[in-house]
C-alpha atoms as a PDB file:
ATOM      1  CA  MET A   1      49.718  15.129  11.260  1.00  0.00           C
ATOM      2  CA  ASN A   2      48.985  18.726  10.538  1.00  0.00           C
ATOM      3  CA  ARG A   3      47.150  20.947  12.983  1.00  0.00           C
ATOM      4  CA  SER A   4      43.789  20.635  11.181  1.00  0.00           C
ATOM      5  CA  ASP A   5      43.989  16.800  11.287  1.00  0.00           C
ATOM      6  CA  LYS A   6      44.593  16.899  15.024  1.00  0.00           C
ATOM      7  CA  ASP A   7      41.772  19.394  15.543  1.00  0.00           C
ATOM      8  CA  ALA A   8      39.399  17.280  13.435  1.00  0.00           C
ATOM      9  CA  MET A   9      39.697  14.429  15.955  1.00  0.00           C
ATOM     10  CA  PRO A  10      40.122  16.210  19.318  1.00  0.00           C
ATOM     11  CA  ASP A  11      38.457  13.478  21.385  1.00  0.00           C
ATOM     12  CA  ARG A  12      40.167  10.507  19.718  1.00  0.00           C
ATOM     13  CA  PRO A  13      43.598   9.771  21.158  1.00  0.00           C
ATOM     14  CA  SER A  14      46.032  10.210  18.271  1.00  0.00           C
ATOM     15  CA  VAL A  15      49.809   9.966  18.069  1.00  0.00           C
ATOM     16  CA  THR A  16      52.104  10.791  15.170  1.00  0.00           C
ATOM     17  CA  ILE A  17      55.061   8.430  14.986  1.00  0.00           C
ATOM     18  CA  ASN A  18      58.139   9.170  12.906  1.00  0.00           C
ATOM     19  CA  ALA A  19      59.326   6.615  10.342  1.00  0.00           C
ATOM     20  CA  ASP A  20      62.090   5.546  12.768  1.00  0.00           C
ATOM     21  CA  GLY A  21      59.532   4.745  15.489  1.00  0.00           C
ATOM     22  CA  THR A  22      60.142   7.824  17.626  1.00  0.00           C
ATOM     23  CA  TYR A  23      57.220   9.943  18.727  1.00  0.00           C
ATOM     24  CA  ALA A  24      56.577  13.263  16.980  1.00  0.00           C
ATOM     25  CA  ASP A  25      53.250  14.560  18.294  1.00  0.00           C
ATOM     26  CA  ALA A  26      50.058  13.640  20.118  1.00  0.00           C
ATOM     27  CA  ASN A  27      46.802  15.227  21.104  1.00  0.00           C
ATOM     28  CA  ARG A  28      45.666  15.746  24.688  1.00  0.00           C
ATOM     29  CA  ALA A  29      43.518  12.593  24.738  1.00  0.00           C
ATOM     30  CA  ALA A  30      46.505  10.421  23.743  1.00  0.00           C
ATOM     31  CA  LEU A  31      48.768  12.053  26.303  1.00  0.00           C
ATOM     32  CA  GLU A  32      46.172  11.370  29.001  1.00  0.00           C
ATOM     33  CA  LEU A  33      45.803   7.757  27.867  1.00  0.00           C
ATOM     34  CA  LEU A  34      49.589   7.232  27.939  1.00  0.00           C
ATOM     35  CA  GLY A  35      50.057   9.247  31.143  1.00  0.00           C
ATOM     36  CA  VAL A  36      52.783  11.539  29.774  1.00  0.00           C
ATOM     37  CA  THR A  37      53.363  15.126  28.730  1.00  0.00           C
ATOM     38  CA  LEU A  38      54.181  15.935  25.108  1.00  0.00           C
ATOM     39  CA  ASP A  39      57.834  16.546  26.007  1.00  0.00           C
ATOM     40  CA  GLN A  40      58.011  13.184  27.807  1.00  0.00           C
ATOM     41  CA  LEU A  41      56.431  11.459  24.805  1.00  0.00           C
ATOM     42  CA  ARG A  42      58.854  13.040  22.354  1.00  0.00           C
ATOM     43  CA  THR A  43      61.869  11.891  24.408  1.00  0.00           C
ATOM     44  CA  SER A  44      60.480   8.364  24.871  1.00  0.00           C
ATOM     45  CA  SER A  45      62.200   5.508  23.117  1.00  0.00           C
ATOM     46  CA  PRO A  46      60.227   3.447  20.602  1.00  0.00           C
ATOM     47  CA  GLY A  47      58.380   0.709  22.441  1.00  0.00           C
ATOM     48  CA  ARG A  48      58.303   2.572  25.757  1.00  0.00           C
ATOM     49  CA  PHE A  49      54.647   1.682  26.264  1.00  0.00           C
ATOM     50  CA  ALA A  50      54.997  -1.986  25.340  1.00  0.00           C
ATOM     51  CA  VAL A  51      53.960  -4.444  28.039  1.00  0.00           C
ATOM     52  CA  GLU A  52      56.342  -7.099  26.735  1.00  0.00           C
ATOM     53  CA  PRO A  53      59.895  -6.331  25.627  1.00  0.00           C
ATOM     54  CA  ASP A  54      60.419  -6.153  21.871  1.00  0.00           C
ATOM     55  CA  GLU A  55      61.532  -9.338  20.161  1.00  0.00           C
ATOM     56  CA  PRO A  56      63.821  -8.081  17.381  1.00  0.00           C
ATOM     57  CA  VAL A  57      63.517 -11.219  15.226  1.00  0.00           C
ATOM     58  CA  ALA A  58      59.708 -11.244  15.405  1.00  0.00           C
ATOM     59  CA  ASP A  59      59.561  -7.473  14.830  1.00  0.00           C
ATOM     60  CA  GLU A  60      61.785  -7.747  11.751  1.00  0.00           C
ATOM     61  CA  ALA A  61      59.748 -10.643  10.336  1.00  0.00           C
ATOM     62  CA  PHE A  62      56.517  -8.678  10.825  1.00  0.00           C
ATOM     63  CA  ARG A  63      58.026  -5.575   9.207  1.00  0.00           C
ATOM     64  CA  GLU A  64      59.241  -7.553   6.187  1.00  0.00           C
ATOM     65  CA  ALA A  65      55.834  -9.194   5.706  1.00  0.00           C
ATOM     66  CA  TRP A  66      54.071  -5.835   6.095  1.00  0.00           C
ATOM     67  CA  GLU A  67      56.395  -4.097   3.628  1.00  0.00           C
ATOM     68  CA  SER A  68      56.090  -6.933   1.098  1.00  0.00           C
ATOM     69  CA  THR A  69      52.306  -6.407   1.028  1.00  0.00           C
ATOM     70  CA  GLY A  70      52.609  -2.678   0.323  1.00  0.00           C
ATOM     71  CA  ARG A  71      52.414  -1.313   3.885  1.00  0.00           C
ATOM     72  CA  PRO A  72      48.624  -1.517   4.270  1.00  0.00           C
ATOM     73  CA  ASP A  73      46.848   0.291   7.090  1.00  0.00           C
ATOM     74  CA  LEU A  74      46.763  -1.725  10.289  1.00  0.00           C
ATOM     75  CA  ALA A  75      44.246  -2.115  13.085  1.00  0.00           C
ATOM     76  CA  GLY A  76      44.099  -4.314  16.119  1.00  0.00           C
ATOM     77  CA  ALA A  77      44.207  -4.492  19.876  1.00  0.00           C
ATOM     78  CA  THR A  78      47.028  -4.691  22.383  1.00  0.00           C
ATOM     79  CA  SER A  79      47.870  -3.829  25.955  1.00  0.00           C
ATOM     80  CA  ILE A  80      50.124  -0.919  26.849  1.00  0.00           C
ATOM     81  CA  ARG A  81      51.908   0.123  30.011  1.00  0.00           C
ATOM     82  CA  ARG A  82      51.195   3.724  30.921  1.00  0.00           C
ATOM     83  CA  ALA A  83      53.912   5.930  32.411  1.00  0.00           C
ATOM     84  CA  ASP A  84      52.442   5.308  35.893  1.00  0.00           C
ATOM     85  CA  GLY A  85      52.876   1.539  35.426  1.00  0.00           C
ATOM     86  CA  ARG A  86      49.195   0.691  34.929  1.00  0.00           C
ATOM     87  CA  THR A  87      48.430  -1.686  32.088  1.00  0.00           C
ATOM     88  CA  VAL A  88      45.478  -0.798  29.859  1.00  0.00           C
ATOM     89  CA  ARG A  89      43.976  -2.459  26.808  1.00  0.00           C
ATOM     90  CA  ILE A  90      43.620  -0.394  23.634  1.00  0.00           C
ATOM     91  CA  LYS A  91      42.366  -0.765  20.099  1.00  0.00           C
ATOM     92  CA  PHE A  92      44.450   0.951  17.454  1.00  0.00           C
ATOM     93  CA  ALA A  93      44.479   1.911  13.800  1.00  0.00           C
ATOM     94  CA  ILE A  94      47.657   3.011  12.055  1.00  0.00           C
ATOM     95  CA  HIS A  95      47.927   4.805   8.726  1.00  0.00           C
ATOM     96  CA  GLN A  96      51.121   5.780   6.936  1.00  0.00           C
ATOM     97  CA  GLN A  97      51.046   9.429   5.920  1.00  0.00           C
ATOM     98  CA  GLU A  98      52.515  10.944   2.777  1.00  0.00           C
ATOM     99  CA  ASP A  99      55.585  12.230   4.636  1.00  0.00           C
ATOM    100  CA  GLY A 100      56.470   8.694   5.831  1.00  0.00           C
ATOM    101  CA  SER A 101      55.281   9.202   9.398  1.00  0.00           C
ATOM    102  CA  PHE A 102      52.417   7.211  10.874  1.00  0.00           C
ATOM    103  CA  LEU A 103      49.145   8.380  12.368  1.00  0.00           C
ATOM    104  CA  ALA A 104      48.089   6.042  15.175  1.00  0.00           C
ATOM    105  CA  LEU A 105      44.638   6.388  16.646  1.00  0.00           C
ATOM    106  CA  LEU A 106      44.053   4.702  19.967  1.00  0.00           C
ATOM    107  CA  ASP A 107      40.870   3.864  21.811  1.00  0.00           C
ATOM    108  CA  PRO A 108      40.586   2.326  25.271  1.00  0.00           C
ATOM    109  CA  ALA A 109      39.168  -1.194  24.943  1.00  0.00           C
ATOM    110  CA  GLY A 110      37.065  -3.118  27.421  1.00  0.00           C
ATOM    111  CA  GLU A 111      39.022  -6.330  26.835  1.00  0.00           C
ATOM    112  CA  PRO A 112      41.197  -8.108  29.425  1.00  0.00           C
ATOM    113  CA  VAL A 113      44.755  -6.728  29.480  1.00  0.00           C
ATOM    114  CA  ALA A 114      46.096 -10.289  29.265  1.00  0.00           C
ATOM    115  CA  ALA A 115      44.415 -10.878  25.880  1.00  0.00           C
ATOM    116  CA  PRO A 116      46.899 -11.438  23.049  1.00  0.00           C
ATOM    117  CA  THR A 117      47.807  -8.685  20.626  1.00  0.00           C
ATOM    118  CA  THR A 118      45.853  -8.815  17.379  1.00  0.00           C
ATOM    119  CA  VAL A 119      46.796  -7.063  14.149  1.00  0.00           C
ATOM    120  CA  PHE A 120      44.662  -6.799  11.007  1.00  0.00           C
ATOM    121  CA  THR A 121      45.186  -5.127   7.665  1.00  0.00           C
ATOM    122  CA  THR A 122      42.336  -3.320   5.969  1.00  0.00           C
ATOM    123  CA  GLY A 123      41.947  -6.303   3.642  1.00  0.00           C
ATOM    124  CA  ASP A 124      41.852  -8.741   6.584  1.00  0.00           C
ATOM    125  CA  VAL A 125      39.107  -6.743   8.264  1.00  0.00           C
ATOM    126  CA  LEU A 126      37.037  -6.469   5.082  1.00  0.00           C
ATOM    127  CA  ALA A 127      37.386 -10.205   4.375  1.00  0.00           C
ATOM    128  CA  ALA A 128      36.389 -11.125   7.948  1.00  0.00           C
ATOM    129  CA  TRP A 129      33.427  -8.733   7.809  1.00  0.00           C
ATOM    130  CA  ARG A 130      32.181 -10.228   4.532  1.00  0.00           C
ATOM    131  CA  ALA A 131      32.697 -13.786   5.824  1.00  0.00           C
ATOM    132  CA  ALA A 132      30.676 -12.989   8.954  1.00  0.00           C
ATOM    133  CA  GLU A 133      27.881 -11.535   6.803  1.00  0.00           C
ATOM    134  CA  ARG A 134      27.804 -14.711   4.695  1.00  0.00           C
ATOM    135  CA  LYS A 135      27.732 -16.828   7.846  1.00  0.00           C
ATOM    136  CA  LEU A 136      24.857 -14.786   9.268  1.00  0.00           C
ATOM    137  CA  GLU A 137      22.870 -15.198   6.030  1.00  0.00           C
ATOM    138  CA  ALA A 138      23.170 -18.968   6.447  1.00  0.00           C
ATOM    139  CA  LEU A 139      21.844 -18.897  10.022  1.00  0.00           C
ATOM    140  CA  THR A 140      18.244 -18.650  11.148  1.00  0.00           C
ATOM    141  CA  PRO A 141      17.490 -15.645  13.385  1.00  0.00           C
ATOM    142  CA  ASP A 142      16.999 -17.932  16.405  1.00  0.00           C
ATOM    143  CA  HIS A 143      20.249 -19.878  15.868  1.00  0.00           C
ATOM    144  CA  PRO A 144      22.460 -19.808  19.015  1.00  0.00           C
ATOM    145  CA  ASP A 145      25.394 -18.324  17.032  1.00  0.00           C
ATOM    146  CA  ALA A 146      23.366 -15.529  15.389  1.00  0.00           C
ATOM    147  CA  VAL A 147      23.915 -12.961  18.152  1.00  0.00           C
ATOM    148  CA  ALA A 148      27.674 -13.612  18.270  1.00  0.00           C
ATOM    149  CA  VAL A 149      27.992 -13.358  14.487  1.00  0.00           C
ATOM    150  CA  GLN A 150      26.002 -10.095  14.506  1.00  0.00           C
ATOM    151  CA  ALA A 151      28.398  -8.756  17.164  1.00  0.00           C
ATOM    152  CA  ASP A 152      31.345  -9.796  14.969  1.00  0.00           C
ATOM    153  CA  ILE A 153      29.833  -7.913  12.031  1.00  0.00           C
ATOM    154  CA  VAL A 154      29.421  -4.768  14.132  1.00  0.00           C
ATOM    155  CA  GLU A 155      33.047  -5.063  15.330  1.00  0.00           C
ATOM    156  CA  PHE A 156      34.484  -5.692  11.844  1.00  0.00           C
ATOM    157  CA  ARG A 157      32.405  -2.848  10.366  1.00  0.00           C
ATOM    158  CA  ALA A 158      33.680  -0.486  13.086  1.00  0.00           C
ATOM    159  CA  ARG A 159      37.298  -1.551  12.518  1.00  0.00           C
ATOM    160  CA  TYR A 160      37.011  -1.143   8.760  1.00  0.00           C
ATOM    161  CA  GLN A 161      35.355   2.260   9.058  1.00  0.00           C
ATOM    162  CA  ALA A 162      38.016   3.324  11.566  1.00  0.00           C
ATOM    163  CA  LEU A 163      40.764   2.381   9.127  1.00  0.00           C
ATOM    164  CA  PHE A 164      38.970   4.145   6.291  1.00  0.00           C
ATOM    165  CA  GLU A 165      38.468   7.307   8.380  1.00  0.00           C
ATOM    166  CA  ARG A 166      42.073   7.323   9.551  1.00  0.00           C
ATOM    167  CA  GLY A 167      43.278   6.911   5.991  1.00  0.00           C
ATOM    168  CA  ARG A 168      41.070   9.778   4.868  1.00  0.00           C
ATOM    169  CA  HIS A 169      42.255  12.081   7.669  1.00  0.00           C
ATOM    170  CA  GLY A 170      45.880  11.094   7.144  1.00  0.00           C
ATOM    171  CA  ALA A 171      45.665  11.893   3.441  1.00  0.00           C
ATOM    172  CA  SER A 172      44.246  15.378   3.902  1.00  0.00           C
END
């Protein structure tokens, strides 16, 4: 991420990750979220903030599937373990930059830390958003599911726009 990209999103926690999974850079908000200094981040091993240990077979299968679909932008939610040992829930969006590194934007999430990790591609999010809109059109305004479907639409729209924004900033 170049300096102007980082400055364009000063309040959004953002981390630049090298192609090999090591950490290259982060803004102040990300360092605060992770509970580390920039030097500590840069010397951290990949996966340092994972709550659960990496499962190499599952990681490799995910990577192969992701690469076979053209490395689309990703978004989702997971829990991380900060440097002080506290577990926090985050939402993330990851965009591959032209130089092969990845721009990861993180936002604290109000979800339970025990919730499972979710990962979506841009296409997944768009498809889910459109499906929720179709479902809402089929419901009457007073239907018991209408409020939940409207909340889903808001969430999918936000995720899609976050991926789009991250892609735009990463490409500049």
